[in-house]
Amino acid sequence: MSEKAEKAADKKSPKDVNKSAEIRKVASAMKAKGEKPRPVAIIAVLQKQGIEVSSPQVSMVLKRMGFRPRKRRKSINLAAAAAAATKSAAKGGKSKSRISVEDLVAAKKAVSRLGGLDRALAAIEALRQFE
């Protein structure tokens, strides 16, 4: 074996490294320590080792390993917004025809969640048919 071949074998270039395997090693080590394996932390550890990976790549490897982030809950749903609007109208003891600023804000949030005024009106009509 020539001297050049030996130096090349001793010195691994970043192209020779299996990035996914390195991500799995780091994630497993973090899990063993009781830490949550998150892409930002894994990227930092691998960057210290001289391995450059992207956040989407780390996320995909973690997803395939079963480390999925928990789903976020929506802050308030449409039924809760309608219930809050009904309560505020009932508390005031005023007639149903009076609409408060809180009612308008709740209606605007509901319309944006449903994807527009036309869809919101269609949902209200469908709800009216069930009553």
N, C-alpha and C. Protein backbone atom coordinates (compact mmCIF):
# COMPACT_ATOMS: atom_id res chain seq x y z
N MET A 1 0.84 -1.17 0.00
CA MET A 1 0.00 0.00 0.00
C MET A 1 0.89 1.23 0.00
N SER A 2 0.55 2.20 -0.80
CA SER A 2 1.39 3.38 -0.89
C SER A 2 1.14 4.30 0.30
N GLU A 3 2.04 5.26 0.46
CA GLU A 3 1.94 6.19 1.58
C GLU A 3 0.71 7.08 1.45
N LYS A 4 0.38 7.47 0.21
CA LYS A 4 -0.79 8.31 -0.01
C LYS A 4 -2.07 7.57 0.36
N ALA A 5 -2.16 6.31 0.01
CA ALA A 5 -3.35 5.52 0.30
C ALA A 5 -3.53 5.36 1.80
N GLU A 6 -2.43 5.19 2.54
CA GLU A 6 -2.51 5.05 4.00
C GLU A 6 -3.01 6.34 4.64
N LYS A 7 -2.51 7.49 4.17
CA LYS A 7 -2.96 8.77 4.72
C LYS A 7 -4.44 8.99 4.42
N ALA A 8 -4.87 8.59 3.24
CA ALA A 8 -6.27 8.76 2.86
C ALA A 8 -7.16 7.86 3.71
N ALA A 9 -6.68 6.67 4.03
CA ALA A 9 -7.45 5.75 4.85
C ALA A 9 -7.54 6.24 6.29
N ASP A 10 -6.46 6.86 6.80
CA ASP A 10 -6.44 7.36 8.17
C ASP A 10 -7.33 8.59 8.32
N LYS A 11 -7.36 9.40 7.31
CA LYS A 11 -8.07 10.67 7.38
C LYS A 11 -9.40 10.54 6.64
N LYS A 12 -10.51 10.53 7.41
CA LYS A 12 -11.82 10.42 6.78
C LYS A 12 -12.31 11.81 6.41
N SER A 13 -12.79 11.92 5.22
CA SER A 13 -13.37 13.20 4.80
C SER A 13 -14.83 13.21 5.24
N PRO A 14 -15.45 14.40 5.33
CA PRO A 14 -16.85 14.46 5.72
C PRO A 14 -17.77 13.67 4.80
N LYS A 15 -17.34 13.45 3.55
CA LYS A 15 -18.16 12.68 2.62
C LYS A 15 -18.21 11.20 2.99
N ASP A 16 -17.19 10.71 3.71
CA ASP A 16 -17.12 9.30 4.08
C ASP A 16 -17.98 8.98 5.31
N VAL A 17 -18.45 10.00 6.00
CA VAL A 17 -19.21 9.81 7.23
C VAL A 17 -20.67 9.57 6.90
N ASN A 18 -21.27 8.58 7.53
CA ASN A 18 -22.69 8.33 7.39
C ASN A 18 -23.42 9.26 8.37
N LYS A 19 -23.98 10.34 7.85
CA LYS A 19 -24.58 11.36 8.70
C LYS A 19 -25.77 10.82 9.48
N SER A 20 -26.58 10.00 8.85
CA SER A 20 -27.75 9.45 9.53
C SER A 20 -27.34 8.58 10.72
N ALA A 21 -26.30 7.79 10.52
CA ALA A 21 -25.82 6.94 11.62
C ALA A 21 -25.30 7.79 12.77
N GLU A 22 -24.61 8.88 12.44
CA GLU A 22 -24.11 9.77 13.48
C GLU A 22 -25.26 10.44 14.23
N ILE A 23 -26.29 10.83 13.50
CA ILE A 23 -27.46 11.44 14.14
C ILE A 23 -28.11 10.44 15.08
N ARG A 24 -28.22 9.18 14.63
CA ARG A 24 -28.82 8.14 15.48
C ARG A 24 -28.00 7.90 16.73
N LYS A 25 -26.67 7.90 16.59
CA LYS A 25 -25.80 7.70 17.76
C LYS A 25 -26.00 8.80 18.79
N VAL A 26 -25.99 10.05 18.31
CA VAL A 26 -26.14 11.18 19.22
C VAL A 26 -27.52 11.17 19.87
N ALA A 27 -28.56 10.88 19.09
CA ALA A 27 -29.92 10.86 19.63
C ALA A 27 -30.07 9.76 20.68
N SER A 28 -29.50 8.59 20.42
CA SER A 28 -29.57 7.50 21.38
C SER A 28 -28.83 7.85 22.66
N ALA A 29 -27.67 8.49 22.52
CA ALA A 29 -26.91 8.89 23.69
C ALA A 29 -27.68 9.92 24.52
N MET A 30 -28.32 10.87 23.84
CA MET A 30 -29.11 11.87 24.55
C MET A 30 -30.29 11.22 25.26
N LYS A 31 -30.93 10.27 24.62
CA LYS A 31 -32.07 9.58 25.22
C LYS A 31 -31.63 8.78 26.44
N ALA A 32 -30.44 8.17 26.35
CA ALA A 32 -29.92 7.40 27.48
C ALA A 32 -29.63 8.30 28.68
N LYS A 33 -29.23 9.55 28.41
CA LYS A 33 -28.96 10.50 29.49
C LYS A 33 -30.25 11.08 30.06
N GLY A 34 -31.37 10.84 29.40
CA GLY A 34 -32.64 11.38 29.86
C GLY A 34 -32.99 12.72 29.23
N GLU A 35 -32.22 13.14 28.23
CA GLU A 35 -32.49 14.40 27.54
C GLU A 35 -33.40 14.14 26.36
N LYS A 36 -34.11 15.18 25.94
CA LYS A 36 -34.93 15.06 24.75
C LYS A 36 -34.07 15.32 23.53
N PRO A 37 -34.00 14.38 22.61
CA PRO A 37 -33.21 14.61 21.39
C PRO A 37 -33.91 15.57 20.46
N ARG A 38 -33.43 16.78 20.40
CA ARG A 38 -34.00 17.81 19.53
C ARG A 38 -32.99 18.19 18.46
N PRO A 39 -33.45 18.55 17.28
CA PRO A 39 -32.55 18.85 16.16
C PRO A 39 -31.49 19.90 16.48
N VAL A 40 -31.84 20.95 17.20
CA VAL A 40 -30.88 22.02 17.49
C VAL A 40 -29.71 21.48 18.31
N ALA A 41 -30.02 20.67 19.33
CA ALA A 41 -28.97 20.11 20.18
C ALA A 41 -28.10 19.11 19.40
N ILE A 42 -28.73 18.30 18.58
CA ILE A 42 -27.99 17.30 17.80
C ILE A 42 -27.08 17.99 16.78
N ILE A 43 -27.58 19.02 16.13
CA ILE A 43 -26.76 19.76 15.16
C ILE A 43 -25.54 20.36 15.85
N ALA A 44 -25.72 20.90 17.05
CA ALA A 44 -24.59 21.49 17.78
C ALA A 44 -23.54 20.45 18.12
N VAL A 45 -23.97 19.27 18.58
CA VAL A 45 -23.02 18.21 18.94
C VAL A 45 -22.27 17.74 17.70
N LEU A 46 -22.97 17.54 16.61
CA LEU A 46 -22.32 17.06 15.39
C LEU A 46 -21.41 18.12 14.77
N GLN A 47 -21.76 19.38 14.95
CA GLN A 47 -20.93 20.45 14.42
C GLN A 47 -19.58 20.48 15.15
N LYS A 48 -19.59 20.17 16.45
CA LYS A 48 -18.33 20.10 17.21
C LYS A 48 -17.45 18.97 16.69
N GLN A 49 -18.09 17.92 16.17
CA GLN A 49 -17.34 16.79 15.60
C GLN A 49 -16.91 17.05 14.17
N GLY A 50 -17.36 18.17 13.60
CA GLY A 50 -16.99 18.50 12.23
C GLY A 50 -17.93 17.93 11.19
N ILE A 51 -19.11 17.51 11.62
CA ILE A 51 -20.09 16.95 10.70
C ILE A 51 -21.20 17.97 10.52
N GLU A 52 -21.47 18.34 9.28
CA GLU A 52 -22.48 19.35 9.01
C GLU A 52 -23.76 18.67 8.54
N VAL A 53 -24.85 18.88 9.29
CA VAL A 53 -26.15 18.32 8.94
C VAL A 53 -27.19 19.44 8.99
N SER A 54 -28.28 19.23 8.29
CA SER A 54 -29.34 20.24 8.28
C SER A 54 -30.45 19.84 9.25
N SER A 55 -31.22 20.82 9.65
CA SER A 55 -32.30 20.58 10.60
C SER A 55 -33.36 19.62 10.03
N PRO A 56 -33.78 19.78 8.78
CA PRO A 56 -34.75 18.83 8.24
C PRO A 56 -34.23 17.39 8.20
N GLN A 57 -32.95 17.23 7.92
CA GLN A 57 -32.36 15.90 7.89
C GLN A 57 -32.42 15.27 9.28
N VAL A 58 -32.06 16.03 10.29
CA VAL A 58 -32.10 15.53 11.67
C VAL A 58 -33.53 15.20 12.06
N SER A 59 -34.46 16.06 11.69
CA SER A 59 -35.86 15.84 12.02
C SER A 59 -36.38 14.55 11.39
N MET A 60 -36.02 14.31 10.15
CA MET A 60 -36.48 13.09 9.47
C MET A 60 -35.90 11.83 10.10
N VAL A 61 -34.62 11.88 10.47
CA VAL A 61 -34.00 10.72 11.11
C VAL A 61 -34.66 10.46 12.46
N LEU A 62 -34.91 11.53 13.23
CA LEU A 62 -35.57 11.38 14.53
C LEU A 62 -36.98 10.83 14.35
N LYS A 63 -37.67 11.28 13.32
CA LYS A 63 -39.03 10.80 13.06
C LYS A 63 -39.01 9.30 12.75
N ARG A 64 -38.05 8.88 11.96
CA ARG A 64 -37.95 7.45 11.62
C ARG A 64 -37.54 6.61 12.82
N MET A 65 -36.83 7.23 13.76
CA MET A 65 -36.44 6.52 14.99
C MET A 65 -37.60 6.43 15.98
N GLY A 66 -38.64 7.23 15.76
CA GLY A 66 -39.77 7.21 16.66
C GLY A 66 -39.78 8.36 17.64
N PHE A 67 -38.85 9.30 17.52
CA PHE A 67 -38.82 10.47 18.38
C PHE A 67 -39.62 11.58 17.72
N ARG A 68 -40.92 11.49 17.81
CA ARG A 68 -41.76 12.52 17.21
C ARG A 68 -42.09 13.54 18.28
N PRO A 69 -42.05 14.82 17.94
CA PRO A 69 -42.45 15.83 18.92
C PRO A 69 -43.94 15.72 19.19
N ARG A 70 -44.35 16.05 20.40
CA ARG A 70 -45.76 15.95 20.73
C ARG A 70 -46.55 17.00 19.95
N LYS A 71 -47.79 16.69 19.71
CA LYS A 71 -48.63 17.59 18.94
C LYS A 71 -49.07 18.74 19.84
N ARG A 72 -49.11 19.91 19.27
CA ARG A 72 -49.53 21.08 20.02
C ARG A 72 -51.04 21.17 20.02
N ARG A 73 -51.57 21.63 21.12
CA ARG A 73 -53.01 21.80 21.22
C ARG A 73 -53.40 23.17 20.69
N LYS A 74 -54.57 23.24 20.15
CA LYS A 74 -55.08 24.53 19.71
C LYS A 74 -55.48 25.32 20.95
N SER A 75 -55.29 26.62 20.89
CA SER A 75 -55.55 27.45 22.06
C SER A 75 -57.02 27.46 22.45
N ILE A 76 -57.89 27.55 21.50
CA ILE A 76 -59.32 27.58 21.79
C ILE A 76 -60.05 27.06 20.56
N ASN A 77 -61.08 26.27 20.78
CA ASN A 77 -61.78 25.75 19.60
C ASN A 77 -63.06 26.54 19.35
N LEU A 78 -63.72 26.24 18.30
CA LEU A 78 -64.89 26.99 17.88
C LEU A 78 -66.01 26.88 18.90
N ALA A 79 -66.23 25.71 19.47
CA ALA A 79 -67.30 25.52 20.44
C ALA A 79 -67.04 26.35 21.69
N ALA A 80 -65.81 26.39 22.13
CA ALA A 80 -65.47 27.19 23.31
C ALA A 80 -65.67 28.67 23.03
N ALA A 81 -65.33 29.12 21.84
CA ALA A 81 -65.54 30.53 21.48
C ALA A 81 -67.02 30.86 21.47
N ALA A 82 -67.83 29.97 20.94
CA ALA A 82 -69.27 30.21 20.91
C ALA A 82 -69.84 30.20 22.33
N ALA A 83 -69.35 29.29 23.17
CA ALA A 83 -69.82 29.22 24.55
C ALA A 83 -69.43 30.48 25.31
N ALA A 84 -68.24 30.98 25.07
CA ALA A 84 -67.79 32.20 25.74
C ALA A 84 -68.65 33.38 25.29
N ALA A 85 -68.98 33.43 24.02
CA ALA A 85 -69.83 34.52 23.52
C ALA A 85 -71.22 34.44 24.13
N THR A 86 -71.75 33.22 24.28
CA THR A 86 -73.07 33.04 24.87
C THR A 86 -73.07 33.44 26.34
N LYS A 87 -72.01 33.06 27.06
CA LYS A 87 -71.90 33.42 28.47
C LYS A 87 -71.81 34.92 28.67
N SER A 88 -71.02 35.58 27.82
CA SER A 88 -70.88 37.02 27.97
C SER A 88 -72.20 37.73 27.68
N ALA A 89 -72.98 37.21 26.75
CA ALA A 89 -74.29 37.79 26.45
C ALA A 89 -75.25 37.54 27.60
N ALA A 90 -75.17 36.33 28.21
CA ALA A 90 -76.07 35.99 29.31
C ALA A 90 -75.71 36.78 30.57
N LYS A 91 -74.45 37.02 30.81
CA LYS A 91 -74.02 37.76 32.00
C LYS A 91 -74.54 39.19 31.97
N GLY A 92 -74.51 39.78 30.82
CA GLY A 92 -74.94 41.17 30.71
C GLY A 92 -76.43 41.34 30.96
N GLY A 93 -77.21 40.28 30.76
CA GLY A 93 -78.64 40.35 30.96
C GLY A 93 -79.32 41.20 29.90
N LYS A 94 -78.63 41.52 28.85
CA LYS A 94 -79.17 42.35 27.79
C LYS A 94 -79.79 41.46 26.72
N SER A 95 -80.48 42.06 25.81
CA SER A 95 -81.12 41.28 24.75
C SER A 95 -80.07 40.64 23.85
N LYS A 96 -80.51 39.63 23.13
CA LYS A 96 -79.60 38.89 22.25
C LYS A 96 -79.15 39.72 21.06
N SER A 97 -79.86 40.77 20.73
CA SER A 97 -79.51 41.56 19.56
C SER A 97 -78.28 42.43 19.79
N ARG A 98 -77.92 42.69 21.04
CA ARG A 98 -76.74 43.50 21.33
C ARG A 98 -75.49 42.63 21.22
N ILE A 99 -74.53 43.11 20.48
CA ILE A 99 -73.28 42.37 20.28
C ILE A 99 -72.14 43.17 20.88
N SER A 100 -71.36 42.51 21.73
CA SER A 100 -70.25 43.18 22.39
C SER A 100 -68.98 43.07 21.55
N VAL A 101 -67.95 43.77 21.97
CA VAL A 101 -66.66 43.71 21.28
C VAL A 101 -66.08 42.31 21.42
N GLU A 102 -66.28 41.69 22.59
CA GLU A 102 -65.78 40.32 22.80
C GLU A 102 -66.44 39.35 21.83
N ASP A 103 -67.74 39.57 21.57
CA ASP A 103 -68.44 38.72 20.62
C ASP A 103 -67.86 38.86 19.21
N LEU A 104 -67.55 40.07 18.83
CA LEU A 104 -66.97 40.31 17.51
C LEU A 104 -65.59 39.69 17.39
N VAL A 105 -64.80 39.79 18.44
CA VAL A 105 -63.46 39.20 18.42
C VAL A 105 -63.56 37.68 18.32
N ALA A 106 -64.48 37.08 19.10
CA ALA A 106 -64.67 35.63 19.04
C ALA A 106 -65.15 35.20 17.65
N ALA A 107 -66.05 35.99 17.05
CA ALA A 107 -66.55 35.66 15.72
C ALA A 107 -65.43 35.76 14.68
N LYS A 108 -64.58 36.76 14.81
CA LYS A 108 -63.48 36.91 13.86
C LYS A 108 -62.52 35.73 13.95
N LYS A 109 -62.23 35.28 15.17
CA LYS A 109 -61.35 34.11 15.35
C LYS A 109 -61.99 32.87 14.75
N ALA A 110 -63.29 32.70 14.96
CA ALA A 110 -63.99 31.53 14.42
C ALA A 110 -63.96 31.55 12.89
N VAL A 111 -64.19 32.71 12.30
CA VAL A 111 -64.17 32.83 10.84
C VAL A 111 -62.79 32.50 10.30
N SER A 112 -61.75 32.99 10.95
CA SER A 112 -60.39 32.70 10.46
C SER A 112 -60.06 31.23 10.59
N ARG A 113 -60.54 30.56 11.65
CA ARG A 113 -60.28 29.14 11.82
C ARG A 113 -61.00 28.30 10.78
N LEU A 114 -62.19 28.76 10.38
CA LEU A 114 -62.96 28.00 9.39
C LEU A 114 -62.51 28.28 7.96
N GLY A 115 -61.66 29.24 7.76
CA GLY A 115 -61.13 29.47 6.43
C GLY A 115 -61.87 30.52 5.63
N GLY A 116 -62.58 31.39 6.28
CA GLY A 116 -63.23 32.48 5.56
C GLY A 116 -64.68 32.64 5.96
N LEU A 117 -65.23 33.77 5.59
CA LEU A 117 -66.60 34.12 5.98
C LEU A 117 -67.61 33.19 5.32
N ASP A 118 -67.40 32.82 4.07
CA ASP A 118 -68.36 31.96 3.37
C ASP A 118 -68.46 30.59 4.05
N ARG A 119 -67.33 30.03 4.42
CA ARG A 119 -67.35 28.72 5.10
C ARG A 119 -67.97 28.84 6.48
N ALA A 120 -67.71 29.95 7.17
CA ALA A 120 -68.30 30.15 8.51
C ALA A 120 -69.81 30.25 8.41
N LEU A 121 -70.30 31.01 7.44
CA LEU A 121 -71.75 31.13 7.26
C LEU A 121 -72.38 29.80 6.89
N ALA A 122 -71.70 29.02 6.06
CA ALA A 122 -72.20 27.69 5.70
C ALA A 122 -72.26 26.79 6.92
N ALA A 123 -71.27 26.88 7.80
CA ALA A 123 -71.28 26.08 9.02
C ALA A 123 -72.40 26.50 9.95
N ILE A 124 -72.66 27.80 10.02
CA ILE A 124 -73.76 28.29 10.86
C ILE A 124 -75.11 27.83 10.32
N GLU A 125 -75.27 27.86 9.01
CA GLU A 125 -76.51 27.38 8.39
C GLU A 125 -76.71 25.89 8.66
N ALA A 126 -75.63 25.12 8.55
CA ALA A 126 -75.71 23.67 8.84
C ALA A 126 -76.06 23.45 10.31
N LEU A 127 -75.51 24.25 11.18
CA LEU A 127 -75.82 24.14 12.62
C LEU A 127 -77.28 24.52 12.89
N ARG A 128 -77.76 25.52 12.19
CA ARG A 128 -79.16 25.97 12.37
C ARG A 128 -80.13 24.85 11.96
N GLN A 129 -79.78 24.05 10.95
CA GLN A 129 -80.63 22.96 10.51
C GLN A 129 -80.73 21.86 11.56
N PHE A 130 -79.69 21.69 12.39
CA PHE A 130 -79.70 20.66 13.41
C PHE A 130 -80.49 21.07 14.66
N GLU A 131 -80.77 22.35 14.82
CA GLU A 131 -81.46 22.81 16.03
C GLU A 131 -82.93 22.57 15.96
